[in-house]
C-alpha atoms as a PDB file:
ATOM      1  CA  MET A   1      -8.757   9.092   7.105  1.00  0.00           C
ATOM      2  CA  LEU A   2      -5.747  10.684   5.615  1.00  0.00           C
ATOM      3  CA  SER A   3      -2.097   8.930   5.903  1.00  0.00           C
ATOM      4  CA  ARG A   4       1.144   9.958   4.247  1.00  0.00           C
ATOM      5  CA  PHE A   5       3.367   7.523   1.989  1.00  0.00           C
ATOM      6  CA  ALA A   6       5.986   7.530   4.854  1.00  0.00           C
ATOM      7  CA  ASP A   7       3.428   5.764   7.378  1.00  0.00           C
ATOM      8  CA  LEU A   8       2.803   3.002   4.606  1.00  0.00           C
ATOM      9  CA  LYS A   9       6.445   2.812   3.741  1.00  0.00           C
ATOM     10  CA  ASN A  10       8.317  -0.309   5.061  1.00  0.00           C
ATOM     11  CA  LYS A  11       5.013  -1.900   6.514  1.00  0.00           C
ATOM     12  CA  GLU A  12       4.870  -5.621   5.978  1.00  0.00           C
ATOM     13  CA  ILE A  13       2.361  -7.344   3.581  1.00  0.00           C
ATOM     14  CA  ILE A  14       0.785 -10.530   4.749  1.00  0.00           C
ATOM     15  CA  CYS A  15      -1.546 -12.732   2.026  1.00  0.00           C
ATOM     16  CA  THR A  16      -4.250 -13.973   4.362  1.00  0.00           C
ATOM     17  CA  LYS A  17      -5.182 -16.446   1.419  1.00  0.00           C
ATOM     18  CA  ASP A  18      -1.975 -18.796   1.960  1.00  0.00           C
ATOM     19  CA  GLY A  19      -0.419 -16.832   4.871  1.00  0.00           C
ATOM     20  CA  LEU A  20       2.691 -15.969   3.200  1.00  0.00           C
ATOM     21  CA  ARG A  21       4.779 -12.774   3.825  1.00  0.00           C
ATOM     22  CA  VAL A  22       4.680 -10.939   0.399  1.00  0.00           C
ATOM     23  CA  GLY A  23       7.449  -8.415   1.262  1.00  0.00           C
ATOM     24  CA  TYR A  24       7.505  -4.609   2.333  1.00  0.00           C
ATOM     25  CA  VAL A  25       5.455  -1.538   0.649  1.00  0.00           C
ATOM     26  CA  ASP A  26       8.343   0.200  -1.365  1.00  0.00           C
ATOM     27  CA  ASP A  27       6.496   2.042  -3.586  1.00  0.00           C
ATOM     28  CA  VAL A  28       3.217   3.063  -4.974  1.00  0.00           C
ATOM     29  CA  ALA A  29       1.516   3.483  -8.132  1.00  0.00           C
ATOM     30  CA  PHE A  30      -1.250   5.853  -8.969  1.00  0.00           C
ATOM     31  CA  ASP A  31      -3.445   6.891 -11.712  1.00  0.00           C
ATOM     32  CA  MET A  32      -2.748  10.294 -13.292  1.00  0.00           C
ATOM     33  CA  ASP A  33      -6.320  10.618 -14.405  1.00  0.00           C
ATOM     34  CA  THR A  34      -8.183  10.028 -11.559  1.00  0.00           C
ATOM     35  CA  TYR A  35      -5.355  10.859  -8.956  1.00  0.00           C
ATOM     36  CA  GLU A  36      -5.783   7.843  -7.031  1.00  0.00           C
ATOM     37  CA  ILE A  37      -3.500   5.236  -5.644  1.00  0.00           C
ATOM     38  CA  THR A  38      -4.167   1.895  -7.761  1.00  0.00           C
ATOM     39  CA  HIS A  39      -1.691  -0.269  -6.515  1.00  0.00           C
ATOM     40  CA  LEU A  40       1.277  -0.886  -3.654  1.00  0.00           C
ATOM     41  CA  ILE A  41       4.158  -2.184  -4.869  1.00  0.00           C
ATOM     42  CA  ALA A  42       6.785  -4.620  -2.950  1.00  0.00           C
ATOM     43  CA  TYR A  43      10.128  -4.757  -4.591  1.00  0.00           C
ATOM     44  CA  GLY A  44      11.324  -8.218  -5.531  1.00  0.00           C
ATOM     45  CA  ARG A  45      13.537 -10.522  -3.349  1.00  0.00           C
ATOM     46  CA  TYR A  46      17.589 -10.065  -3.978  1.00  0.00           C
ATOM     47  CA  ARG A  47      19.171 -13.138  -5.897  1.00  0.00           C
ATOM     48  CA  PHE A  48      22.307 -14.351  -3.853  1.00  0.00           C
ATOM     49  CA  PHE A  49      22.690 -11.119  -1.911  1.00  0.00           C
ATOM     50  CA  GLY A  50      21.925  -9.120  -4.771  1.00  0.00           C
ATOM     51  CA  LEU A  51      24.800 -10.207  -6.977  1.00  0.00           C
ATOM     52  CA  LEU A  52      22.185 -11.757  -9.000  1.00  0.00           C
ATOM     53  CA  GLY A  53      19.758  -8.883  -9.602  1.00  0.00           C
ATOM     54  CA  ARG A  54      16.523  -8.951  -7.795  1.00  0.00           C
ATOM     55  CA  GLY A  55      13.063 -11.093  -8.380  1.00  0.00           C
ATOM     56  CA  GLU A  56      10.050  -9.675  -9.990  1.00  0.00           C
ATOM     57  CA  ASP A  57       8.186  -6.827  -8.311  1.00  0.00           C
ATOM     58  CA  ILE A  58       4.789  -7.804  -6.388  1.00  0.00           C
ATOM     59  CA  ARG A  59       2.181  -5.442  -7.161  1.00  0.00           C
ATOM     60  CA  ILE A  60      -0.851  -5.265  -5.130  1.00  0.00           C
ATOM     61  CA  SER A  61      -4.071  -3.771  -6.007  1.00  0.00           C
ATOM     62  CA  CYS A  62      -5.754  -1.526  -3.448  1.00  0.00           C
ATOM     63  CA  LYS A  63      -9.069  -3.358  -3.812  1.00  0.00           C
ATOM     64  CA  GLN A  64      -6.970  -6.362  -2.425  1.00  0.00           C
ATOM     65  CA  VAL A  65      -6.269  -4.804   0.981  1.00  0.00           C
ATOM     66  CA  GLN A  66      -8.452  -5.939   3.753  1.00  0.00           C
ATOM     67  CA  VAL A  67      -6.766  -4.108   6.930  1.00  0.00           C
ATOM     68  CA  ILE A  68      -3.900  -1.510   7.140  1.00  0.00           C
ATOM     69  CA  GLY A  69      -2.764  -2.326  10.642  1.00  0.00           C
ATOM     70  CA  GLU A  70       0.127  -0.558  12.871  1.00  0.00           C
ATOM     71  CA  ASP A  71       3.092  -2.698  11.410  1.00  0.00           C
ATOM     72  CA  ILE A  72       1.647  -4.896   8.895  1.00  0.00           C
ATOM     73  CA  ILE A  73      -1.039  -4.733   5.767  1.00  0.00           C
ATOM     74  CA  LEU A  74      -3.301  -7.817   5.298  1.00  0.00           C
ATOM     75  CA  VAL A  75      -3.946  -8.321   1.420  1.00  0.00           C
ATOM     76  CA  ASP A  76      -6.515 -11.314  -0.190  1.00  0.00           C
ATOM     77  CA  ASP A  77      -4.212 -11.946  -3.062  1.00  0.00           C
ATOM     78  CA  TYR A  78      -1.647 -10.348  -5.181  1.00  0.00           C
ATOM     79  CA  GLU A  79      -0.299 -10.338  -8.556  1.00  0.00           C
ATOM     80  CA  GLN A  80       3.536 -11.280  -9.466  1.00  0.00           C
ATOM     81  CA  SER A  81       4.679 -11.917 -12.836  1.00  0.00           C
ATOM     82  CA  GLY A  82       6.425 -14.867 -13.331  1.00  0.00           C
ATOM     83  CA  LYS A  83       5.639 -18.100 -11.238  1.00  0.00           C
ATOM     84  CA  ARG A  84       3.995 -17.526  -8.154  1.00  0.00           C
ATOM     85  CA  LYS A  85       5.243 -19.639  -4.912  1.00  0.00           C
ATOM     86  CA  THR A  86       1.883 -21.527  -3.553  1.00  0.00           C
ATOM     87  CA  ALA A  87       4.374 -22.396  -0.873  1.00  0.00           C
ATOM     88  CA  LYS A  88       7.851 -22.174   0.268  1.00  0.00           C
ATOM     89  CA  GLU A  89       9.423 -24.675  -2.060  1.00  0.00           C
ATOM     90  CA  HIS A  90      12.709 -26.133  -1.158  1.00  0.00           C
ATOM     91  CA  PHE A  91      15.561 -25.825  -3.650  1.00  0.00           C
ATOM     92  CA  LEU A  92      16.105 -29.691  -4.381  1.00  0.00           C
ATOM     93  CA  HIS A  93      12.576 -29.475  -5.591  1.00  0.00           C
ATOM     94  CA  LYS A  94      13.822 -27.826  -8.675  1.00  0.00           C
ATOM     95  CA  PHE A  95      16.119 -31.119  -9.598  1.00  0.00           C
ATOM     96  CA  PHE A  96      12.885 -33.340  -9.566  1.00  0.00           C
ATOM     97  CA  GLU A  97      10.524 -31.401 -11.483  1.00  0.00           C
END
């Protein structure tokens, strides 16, 4: 099945392993030798309305993609440089660590 990048862009990515919303497809990475798409990339979330920059980008291997639906993409797992949250952490938890 052929698809365009415009069809993938802005689809929401959900991790089936922990149910977290990963983000939206913003870019793709491909291998120049084989001309294949290797990763979907979701840009990091803005910190304090973008005034403090963005978080780390999230790379999802195409091997981890389970289903590409009409509105969402289900993935098995994903990579993120830095600390990966396993659940939404309350900001007060950081003070007690």
